[in-house]
Structures are given as structure tokens and as C-alpha cells.
PDB file of N, CA and C in Angstrom:
ATOM      1  N   MET A   1      72.909 117.348  94.478  1.00  0.00           N
ATOM      2  CA  MET A   1      73.843 116.249  94.298  1.00  0.00           C
ATOM      3  C   MET A   1      75.071 116.511  95.334  1.00  0.00           C
ATOM      4  N   PHE A   2      75.497 117.694  95.478  1.00  0.00           N
ATOM      5  CA  PHE A   2      76.584 117.926  96.473  1.00  0.00           C
ATOM      6  C   PHE A   2      75.972 117.633  98.054  1.00  0.00           C
ATOM      7  N   LYS A   3      74.835 117.873  98.122  1.00  0.00           N
ATOM      8  CA  LYS A   3      74.499 117.699  99.504  1.00  0.00           C
ATOM      9  C   LYS A   3      74.246 116.279  99.767  1.00  0.00           C
ATOM     10  N   GLU A   4      73.725 115.608  98.946  1.00  0.00           N
ATOM     11  CA  GLU A   4      73.600 114.108  99.148  1.00  0.00           C
ATOM     12  C   GLU A   4      74.965 113.513  99.280  1.00  0.00           C
ATOM     13  N   MET A   5      76.095 113.829  98.707  1.00  0.00           N
ATOM     14  CA  MET A   5      77.363 113.226  98.947  1.00  0.00           C
ATOM     15  C   MET A   5      77.841 113.841 100.226  1.00  0.00           C
ATOM     16  N   TRP A   6      77.504 115.114 100.677  1.00  0.00           N
ATOM     17  CA  TRP A   6      78.066 115.585 101.954  1.00  0.00           C
ATOM     18  C   TRP A   6      77.493 114.789 103.025  1.00  0.00           C
ATOM     19  N   GLU A   7      76.187 114.353 102.847  1.00  0.00           N
ATOM     20  CA  GLU A   7      75.664 113.437 103.973  1.00  0.00           C
ATOM     21  C   GLU A   7      76.107 111.992 104.040  1.00  0.00           C
ATOM     22  N   GLU A   8      76.848 111.668 103.125  1.00  0.00           N
ATOM     23  CA  GLU A   8      77.471 110.277 103.248  1.00  0.00           C
ATOM     24  C   GLU A   8      78.762 110.397 103.629  1.00  0.00           C
ATOM     25  N   ILE A   9      79.222 111.513 103.980  1.00  0.00           N
ATOM     26  CA  ILE A   9      80.889 111.750 104.608  1.00  0.00           C
ATOM     27  C   ILE A   9      80.619 111.822 106.116  1.00  0.00           C
ATOM     28  N   PRO A  10      81.506 110.991 106.583  1.00  0.00           N
ATOM     29  CA  PRO A  10      81.625 110.794 108.013  1.00  0.00           C
ATOM     30  C   PRO A  10      81.861 112.225 108.676  1.00  0.00           C
ATOM     31  N   THR A  11      81.251 112.453 109.880  1.00  0.00           N
ATOM     32  CA  THR A  11      81.347 113.881 110.567  1.00  0.00           C
ATOM     33  C   THR A  11      82.767 113.859 110.811  1.00  0.00           C
ATOM     34  N   ALA A  12      83.599 112.973 111.250  1.00  0.00           N
ATOM     35  CA  ALA A  12      85.013 113.228 111.634  1.00  0.00           C
ATOM     36  C   ALA A  12      85.677 113.771 110.354  1.00  0.00           C
ATOM     37  N   PHE A  13      85.385 113.236 109.323  1.00  0.00           N
ATOM     38  CA  PHE A  13      86.212 113.651 108.098  1.00  0.00           C
ATOM     39  C   PHE A  13      85.886 115.049 107.669  1.00  0.00           C
ATOM     40  N   LYS A  14      84.467 115.495 107.929  1.00  0.00           N
ATOM     41  CA  LYS A  14      84.048 116.685 107.656  1.00  0.00           C
ATOM     42  C   LYS A  14      84.854 117.751 108.424  1.00  0.00           C
ATOM     43  N   VAL A  15      85.086 117.520 109.806  1.00  0.00           N
ATOM     44  CA  VAL A  15      85.696 118.173 110.632  1.00  0.00           C
ATOM     45  C   VAL A  15      87.098 118.389 110.165  1.00  0.00           C
ATOM     46  N   LEU A  16      87.877 117.366 109.739  1.00  0.00           N
ATOM     47  CA  LEU A  16      89.208 117.381 109.273  1.00  0.00           C
ATOM     48  C   LEU A  16      89.331 118.288 108.068  1.00  0.00           C
ATOM     49  N   TRP A  17      88.382 118.184 107.023  1.00  0.00           N
ATOM     50  CA  TRP A  17      88.288 118.828 105.890  1.00  0.00           C
ATOM     51  C   TRP A  17      88.061 120.201 106.049  1.00  0.00           C
ATOM     52  N   ILE A  18      86.993 120.590 106.836  1.00  0.00           N
ATOM     53  CA  ILE A  18      86.972 122.154 107.478  1.00  0.00           C
ATOM     54  C   ILE A  18      88.027 122.860 108.034  1.00  0.00           C
ATOM     55  N   SER A  19      88.564 121.816 108.942  1.00  0.00           N
ATOM     56  CA  SER A  19      89.829 122.449 109.786  1.00  0.00           C
ATOM     57  C   SER A  19      90.992 122.645 108.585  1.00  0.00           C
ATOM     58  N   GLY A  20      91.154 121.788 107.673  1.00  0.00           N
ATOM     59  CA  GLY A  20      92.354 121.955 106.628  1.00  0.00           C
ATOM     60  C   GLY A  20      91.797 123.212 105.937  1.00  0.00           C
ATOM     61  N   ALA A  21      90.549 123.486 105.520  1.00  0.00           N
ATOM     62  CA  ALA A  21      90.302 124.655 104.613  1.00  0.00           C
ATOM     63  C   ALA A  21      90.440 125.966 105.339  1.00  0.00           C
ATOM     64  N   VAL A  22      90.165 125.863 106.760  1.00  0.00           N
ATOM     65  CA  VAL A  22      90.248 127.156 107.669  1.00  0.00           C
ATOM     66  C   VAL A  22      91.763 127.536 107.767  1.00  0.00           C
ATOM     67  N   ILE A  23      92.740 126.460 107.617  1.00  0.00           N
ATOM     68  CA  ILE A  23      94.221 126.457 107.698  1.00  0.00           C
ATOM     69  C   ILE A  23      94.536 127.051 106.649  1.00  0.00           C
ATOM     70  N   SER A  24      94.208 126.573 105.562  1.00  0.00           N
ATOM     71  CA  SER A  24      94.675 126.933 104.116  1.00  0.00           C
ATOM     72  C   SER A  24      94.144 128.410 104.266  1.00  0.00           C
ATOM     73  N   ALA A  25      92.963 128.776 104.373  1.00  0.00           N
ATOM     74  CA  ALA A  25      92.578 130.210 104.198  1.00  0.00           C
ATOM     75  C   ALA A  25      93.267 131.081 105.470  1.00  0.00           C
ATOM     76  N   GLY A  26      93.625 130.678 106.412  1.00  0.00           N
ATOM     77  CA  GLY A  26      94.300 131.368 107.420  1.00  0.00           C
ATOM     78  C   GLY A  26      95.458 131.910 107.079  1.00  0.00           C
TER      79      GLY A  26
END
């Protein structure tokens, strides 16, 4: 289910989301 939703997310949004996660974790 999560993988299917992830595939629908634009790559640009993934990059921003991952960047935000890294900043929050950093």
C-alpha cells in the first residue's frame, strides 16, 4: 500500500520530503 502511494508521489516532492527528514534528523 505504502509503495503504491510512494510511486504516485512526484520525484521532486520525494526529494523535498527526504531533504526535510534529513534536516530534522540532523
